[in-house]
């Protein structure tokens, strides 16, 4: 049972109802996380805008899903692991790639570096040594991609923490931790 109830789009304030309707039109449903964010409309709007902004960056959809899975596993967020396992399939990851991403790994060298860095950031609360940054650069990760990974980790951490506190009901095919 949720600690913070999702907002019912049918009874939401007009601006929130409009935002949730736009989410439903775009992805075919209103995930419980988004309806929970709607308890604070500024957070819902900020999340959607930040997510859209990152989608127009250099990280591919596949890389963003790899990062989401690595961070979700590091933060033990079953809601996000369930949601992003489904989304990762849509981004071209098979079951083995999903499992590897959850461990902070990938088969491609660049994706592997990004996944490991994301998992490290989540596990180490944003800390990375000079040696860690040097290893990223040797793997082909430039400063711009480092910043994009940090931003993606921040976005995923917001969803992970919200789900932990809210005890969001999982409305995706359930995966185990």
C-alpha atoms as a PDB file:
ATOM      1  CA  UNK A   1       0.000   0.000   0.000  1.00  0.00           C
ATOM      2  CA  UNK A   2       1.327   3.411  -0.964  1.00  0.00           C
ATOM      3  CA  UNK A   3       2.452   5.876   1.685  1.00  0.00           C
ATOM      4  CA  UNK A   4       1.751   8.750  -0.714  1.00  0.00           C
ATOM      5  CA  UNK A   5      -1.331   8.275  -2.834  1.00  0.00           C
ATOM      6  CA  UNK A   6      -1.144   8.914  -6.568  1.00  0.00           C
ATOM      7  CA  UNK A   7      -3.323  11.753  -7.807  1.00  0.00           C
ATOM      8  CA  UNK A   8      -6.420  10.547  -9.633  1.00  0.00           C
ATOM      9  CA  UNK A   9      -6.382  12.280 -13.034  1.00  0.00           C
ATOM     10  CA  UNK A  10     -10.196  12.424 -12.984  1.00  0.00           C
ATOM     11  CA  UNK A  11     -10.217  14.596  -9.859  1.00  0.00           C
ATOM     12  CA  UNK A  12      -6.937  16.452 -10.312  1.00  0.00           C
ATOM     13  CA  UNK A  13      -6.647  20.210 -10.622  1.00  0.00           C
ATOM     14  CA  UNK A  14      -7.074  21.236 -14.276  1.00  0.00           C
ATOM     15  CA  UNK A  15      -3.380  21.929 -14.961  1.00  0.00           C
ATOM     16  CA  UNK A  16      -2.324  18.617 -13.388  1.00  0.00           C
ATOM     17  CA  UNK A  17      -5.085  16.741 -15.209  1.00  0.00           C
ATOM     18  CA  UNK A  18      -3.877  18.255 -18.476  1.00  0.00           C
ATOM     19  CA  UNK A  19      -0.272  17.195 -17.795  1.00  0.00           C
ATOM     20  CA  UNK A  20      -1.332  13.672 -16.864  1.00  0.00           C
ATOM     21  CA  UNK A  21      -3.527  13.468 -19.979  1.00  0.00           C
ATOM     22  CA  UNK A  22      -0.520  14.482 -22.081  1.00  0.00           C
ATOM     23  CA  UNK A  23       1.541  11.718 -20.419  1.00  0.00           C
ATOM     24  CA  UNK A  24      -1.210   9.196 -21.170  1.00  0.00           C
ATOM     25  CA  UNK A  25      -1.426  10.339 -24.792  1.00  0.00           C
ATOM     26  CA  UNK A  26       2.332  10.053 -25.166  1.00  0.00           C
ATOM     27  CA  UNK A  27       3.004   6.690 -23.523  1.00  0.00           C
ATOM     28  CA  UNK A  28      -0.436   5.079 -23.330  1.00  0.00           C
ATOM     29  CA  UNK A  29      -0.770   5.163 -19.539  1.00  0.00           C
ATOM     30  CA  UNK A  30      -0.176   7.317 -16.492  1.00  0.00           C
ATOM     31  CA  UNK A  31       2.419   5.440 -14.438  1.00  0.00           C
ATOM     32  CA  UNK A  32       1.770   5.508 -10.705  1.00  0.00           C
ATOM     33  CA  UNK A  33       5.085   7.294 -10.219  1.00  0.00           C
ATOM     34  CA  UNK A  34       3.929  10.199 -12.393  1.00  0.00           C
ATOM     35  CA  UNK A  35       0.596  10.354 -10.592  1.00  0.00           C
ATOM     36  CA  UNK A  36       2.526  10.391  -7.317  1.00  0.00           C
ATOM     37  CA  UNK A  37       4.766  13.208  -8.575  1.00  0.00           C
ATOM     38  CA  UNK A  38       1.498  15.056  -9.308  1.00  0.00           C
ATOM     39  CA  UNK A  39       1.066  15.556  -5.552  1.00  0.00           C
ATOM     40  CA  UNK A  40       3.690  18.279  -6.157  1.00  0.00           C
ATOM     41  CA  UNK A  41       2.879  19.623  -9.651  1.00  0.00           C
ATOM     42  CA  UNK A  42       6.171  21.518  -9.847  1.00  0.00           C
ATOM     43  CA  UNK A  43       8.035  18.224  -9.375  1.00  0.00           C
ATOM     44  CA  UNK A  44       5.952  16.465 -12.027  1.00  0.00           C
ATOM     45  CA  UNK A  45       6.646  19.284 -14.484  1.00  0.00           C
ATOM     46  CA  UNK A  46      10.335  19.431 -13.572  1.00  0.00           C
ATOM     47  CA  UNK A  47      10.720  15.665 -13.972  1.00  0.00           C
ATOM     48  CA  UNK A  48       9.041  15.669 -17.393  1.00  0.00           C
ATOM     49  CA  UNK A  49      11.072  18.649 -18.629  1.00  0.00           C
ATOM     50  CA  UNK A  50      14.359  17.266 -17.291  1.00  0.00           C
ATOM     51  CA  UNK A  51      13.639  13.863 -18.829  1.00  0.00           C
ATOM     52  CA  UNK A  52      12.784  15.433 -22.193  1.00  0.00           C
ATOM     53  CA  UNK A  53      15.904  17.606 -22.079  1.00  0.00           C
ATOM     54  CA  UNK A  54      18.127  14.600 -21.403  1.00  0.00           C
ATOM     55  CA  UNK A  55      16.439  12.677 -24.228  1.00  0.00           C
ATOM     56  CA  UNK A  56      17.729  15.335 -26.613  1.00  0.00           C
ATOM     57  CA  UNK A  57      21.304  14.935 -25.349  1.00  0.00           C
ATOM     58  CA  UNK A  58      24.056  12.672 -26.631  1.00  0.00           C
ATOM     59  CA  UNK A  59      23.167   9.600 -24.603  1.00  0.00           C
ATOM     60  CA  UNK A  60      21.106   7.202 -26.692  1.00  0.00           C
ATOM     61  CA  UNK A  61      17.824   5.718 -25.469  1.00  0.00           C
ATOM     62  CA  UNK A  62      19.707   2.448 -24.982  1.00  0.00           C
ATOM     63  CA  UNK A  63      22.389   4.139 -22.885  1.00  0.00           C
ATOM     64  CA  UNK A  64      19.799   5.992 -20.792  1.00  0.00           C
ATOM     65  CA  UNK A  65      18.070   2.674 -20.054  1.00  0.00           C
ATOM     66  CA  UNK A  66      21.377   1.010 -19.167  1.00  0.00           C
ATOM     67  CA  UNK A  67      22.057   3.846 -16.736  1.00  0.00           C
ATOM     68  CA  UNK A  68      18.528   3.675 -15.285  1.00  0.00           C
ATOM     69  CA  UNK A  69      18.925  -0.053 -14.657  1.00  0.00           C
ATOM     70  CA  UNK A  70      22.374   0.360 -13.076  1.00  0.00           C
ATOM     71  CA  UNK A  71      21.113   3.127 -10.785  1.00  0.00           C
ATOM     72  CA  UNK A  72      17.852   1.347  -9.982  1.00  0.00           C
ATOM     73  CA  UNK A  73      19.782  -1.738  -8.921  1.00  0.00           C
ATOM     74  CA  UNK A  74      22.297   0.278  -6.878  1.00  0.00           C
ATOM     75  CA  UNK A  75      19.382   1.999  -5.118  1.00  0.00           C
ATOM     76  CA  UNK A  76      17.328  -1.228  -4.853  1.00  0.00           C
ATOM     77  CA  UNK A  77      14.282   0.374  -6.492  1.00  0.00           C
ATOM     78  CA  UNK A  78      11.972  -2.414  -7.594  1.00  0.00           C
ATOM     79  CA  UNK A  79       9.522   0.008  -9.221  1.00  0.00           C
ATOM     80  CA  UNK A  80      12.203   1.506 -11.463  1.00  0.00           C
ATOM     81  CA  UNK A  81      13.791  -1.854 -12.217  1.00  0.00           C
ATOM     82  CA  UNK A  82      10.379  -3.136 -13.309  1.00  0.00           C
ATOM     83  CA  UNK A  83       9.627  -0.053 -15.422  1.00  0.00           C
ATOM     84  CA  UNK A  84      13.064   0.211 -17.002  1.00  0.00           C
ATOM     85  CA  UNK A  85      13.309  -3.508 -17.750  1.00  0.00           C
ATOM     86  CA  UNK A  86      10.226  -3.056 -19.935  1.00  0.00           C
ATOM     87  CA  UNK A  87      11.543   0.188 -21.478  1.00  0.00           C
ATOM     88  CA  UNK A  88      14.980  -1.348 -22.035  1.00  0.00           C
ATOM     89  CA  UNK A  89      13.402  -4.053 -24.180  1.00  0.00           C
ATOM     90  CA  UNK A  90      11.923  -1.275 -26.320  1.00  0.00           C
ATOM     91  CA  UNK A  91      15.398   0.275 -26.583  1.00  0.00           C
ATOM     92  CA  UNK A  92      16.848  -2.985 -27.900  1.00  0.00           C
ATOM     93  CA  UNK A  93      18.255  -4.649 -24.783  1.00  0.00           C
ATOM     94  CA  UNK A  94      17.690  -8.383 -24.451  1.00  0.00           C
ATOM     95  CA  UNK A  95      17.415 -10.216 -21.111  1.00  0.00           C
ATOM     96  CA  UNK A  96      21.197 -10.709 -20.850  1.00  0.00           C
ATOM     97  CA  UNK A  97      21.859  -7.020 -21.559  1.00  0.00           C
ATOM     98  CA  UNK A  98      19.294  -6.032 -18.913  1.00  0.00           C
ATOM     99  CA  UNK A  99      20.997  -8.289 -16.351  1.00  0.00           C
ATOM    100  CA  UNK A 100      24.397  -6.847 -17.237  1.00  0.00           C
ATOM    101  CA  UNK A 101      23.095  -3.273 -17.014  1.00  0.00           C
ATOM    102  CA  UNK A 102      21.747  -3.993 -13.547  1.00  0.00           C
ATOM    103  CA  UNK A 103      25.307  -4.990 -12.556  1.00  0.00           C
ATOM    104  CA  UNK A 104      26.685  -1.771 -14.068  1.00  0.00           C
ATOM    105  CA  UNK A 105      28.036  -3.530 -17.141  1.00  0.00           C
ATOM    106  CA  UNK A 106      27.419  -3.667 -20.889  1.00  0.00           C
ATOM    107  CA  UNK A 107      28.900  -5.545 -23.827  1.00  0.00           C
ATOM    108  CA  UNK A 108      29.952  -2.409 -25.737  1.00  0.00           C
ATOM    109  CA  UNK A 109      33.069  -0.733 -24.289  1.00  0.00           C
ATOM    110  CA  UNK A 110      31.556   2.761 -24.188  1.00  0.00           C
ATOM    111  CA  UNK A 111      28.256   1.541 -22.733  1.00  0.00           C
ATOM    112  CA  UNK A 112      30.199  -0.506 -20.186  1.00  0.00           C
ATOM    113  CA  UNK A 113      32.101   2.592 -19.051  1.00  0.00           C
ATOM    114  CA  UNK A 114      28.877   4.606 -18.792  1.00  0.00           C
ATOM    115  CA  UNK A 115      27.076   1.842 -16.870  1.00  0.00           C
ATOM    116  CA  UNK A 116      29.933   1.350 -14.435  1.00  0.00           C
ATOM    117  CA  UNK A 117      30.246   5.089 -13.851  1.00  0.00           C
ATOM    118  CA  UNK A 118      26.510   5.447 -13.243  1.00  0.00           C
ATOM    119  CA  UNK A 119      26.474   2.591 -10.767  1.00  0.00           C
ATOM    120  CA  UNK A 120      29.536   4.042  -9.027  1.00  0.00           C
ATOM    121  CA  UNK A 121      27.914   7.465  -8.751  1.00  0.00           C
ATOM    122  CA  UNK A 122      24.797   5.952  -7.209  1.00  0.00           C
ATOM    123  CA  UNK A 123      26.750   3.716  -4.846  1.00  0.00           C
ATOM    124  CA  UNK A 124      29.342   6.326  -3.861  1.00  0.00           C
ATOM    125  CA  UNK A 125      26.946   9.297  -3.566  1.00  0.00           C
ATOM    126  CA  UNK A 126      28.404  11.121  -6.543  1.00  0.00           C
ATOM    127  CA  UNK A 127      32.059  10.556  -5.758  1.00  0.00           C
ATOM    128  CA  UNK A 128      34.643   9.734  -8.423  1.00  0.00           C
ATOM    129  CA  UNK A 129      38.422   9.872  -8.157  1.00  0.00           C
ATOM    130  CA  UNK A 130      40.870  11.295 -10.668  1.00  0.00           C
ATOM    131  CA  UNK A 131      41.733   7.712 -11.609  1.00  0.00           C
ATOM    132  CA  UNK A 132      38.044   6.992 -12.258  1.00  0.00           C
ATOM    133  CA  UNK A 133      37.758  10.020 -14.550  1.00  0.00           C
ATOM    134  CA  UNK A 134      40.982   9.085 -16.346  1.00  0.00           C
ATOM    135  CA  UNK A 135      39.588   5.575 -16.959  1.00  0.00           C
ATOM    136  CA  UNK A 136      36.384   7.077 -18.377  1.00  0.00           C
ATOM    137  CA  UNK A 137      38.368   9.263 -20.735  1.00  0.00           C
ATOM    138  CA  UNK A 138      40.427   6.274 -21.903  1.00  0.00           C
ATOM    139  CA  UNK A 139      37.114   4.535 -22.663  1.00  0.00           C
ATOM    140  CA  UNK A 140      36.071   7.462 -24.886  1.00  0.00           C
ATOM    141  CA  UNK A 141      33.874   9.328 -22.417  1.00  0.00           C
ATOM    142  CA  UNK A 142      34.409  13.070 -22.745  1.00  0.00           C
ATOM    143  CA  UNK A 143      33.464  15.785 -20.273  1.00  0.00           C
ATOM    144  CA  UNK A 144      30.075  16.352 -21.883  1.00  0.00           C
ATOM    145  CA  UNK A 145      29.099  12.694 -21.531  1.00  0.00           C
ATOM    146  CA  UNK A 146      30.353  12.662 -17.939  1.00  0.00           C
ATOM    147  CA  UNK A 147      27.985  15.539 -17.152  1.00  0.00           C
ATOM    148  CA  UNK A 148      25.092  13.851 -18.990  1.00  0.00           C
ATOM    149  CA  UNK A 149      25.617  10.651 -17.000  1.00  0.00           C
ATOM    150  CA  UNK A 150      25.612  12.669 -13.761  1.00  0.00           C
ATOM    151  CA  UNK A 151      22.336  14.296 -14.819  1.00  0.00           C
ATOM    152  CA  UNK A 152      20.791  10.951 -15.762  1.00  0.00           C
ATOM    153  CA  UNK A 153      21.843   9.477 -12.422  1.00  0.00           C
ATOM    154  CA  UNK A 154      20.260  12.458 -10.657  1.00  0.00           C
ATOM    155  CA  UNK A 155      16.993  11.977 -12.560  1.00  0.00           C
ATOM    156  CA  UNK A 156      16.930   8.256 -11.784  1.00  0.00           C
ATOM    157  CA  UNK A 157      17.804   8.875  -8.141  1.00  0.00           C
ATOM    158  CA  UNK A 158      14.808  11.226  -7.876  1.00  0.00           C
ATOM    159  CA  UNK A 159      12.502   8.473  -9.105  1.00  0.00           C
ATOM    160  CA  UNK A 160      14.174   5.793  -6.950  1.00  0.00           C
ATOM    161  CA  UNK A 161      13.919   7.849  -3.773  1.00  0.00           C
ATOM    162  CA  UNK A 162      10.353   8.922  -4.499  1.00  0.00           C
ATOM    163  CA  UNK A 163       9.346   5.296  -4.979  1.00  0.00           C
ATOM    164  CA  UNK A 164      11.049   4.276  -1.728  1.00  0.00           C
ATOM    165  CA  UNK A 165       9.361   6.986   0.328  1.00  0.00           C
ATOM    166  CA  UNK A 166       5.973   6.776  -1.391  1.00  0.00           C
ATOM    167  CA  UNK A 167       5.960   2.960  -1.593  1.00  0.00           C
ATOM    168  CA  UNK A 168       4.619   3.398  -5.119  1.00  0.00           C
ATOM    169  CA  UNK A 169       2.483   0.503  -6.321  1.00  0.00           C
ATOM    170  CA  UNK A 170       4.288  -1.150  -9.236  1.00  0.00           C
ATOM    171  CA  UNK A 171       2.213  -0.935 -12.408  1.00  0.00           C
ATOM    172  CA  UNK A 172       4.713  -2.630 -14.732  1.00  0.00           C
ATOM    173  CA  UNK A 173       5.579  -6.315 -15.091  1.00  0.00           C
ATOM    174  CA  UNK A 174       7.263  -7.069 -11.784  1.00  0.00           C
ATOM    175  CA  UNK A 175      10.963  -7.947 -11.692  1.00  0.00           C
ATOM    176  CA  UNK A 176      12.818  -9.117  -8.612  1.00  0.00           C
ATOM    177  CA  UNK A 177      15.530  -7.124  -6.886  1.00  0.00           C
END
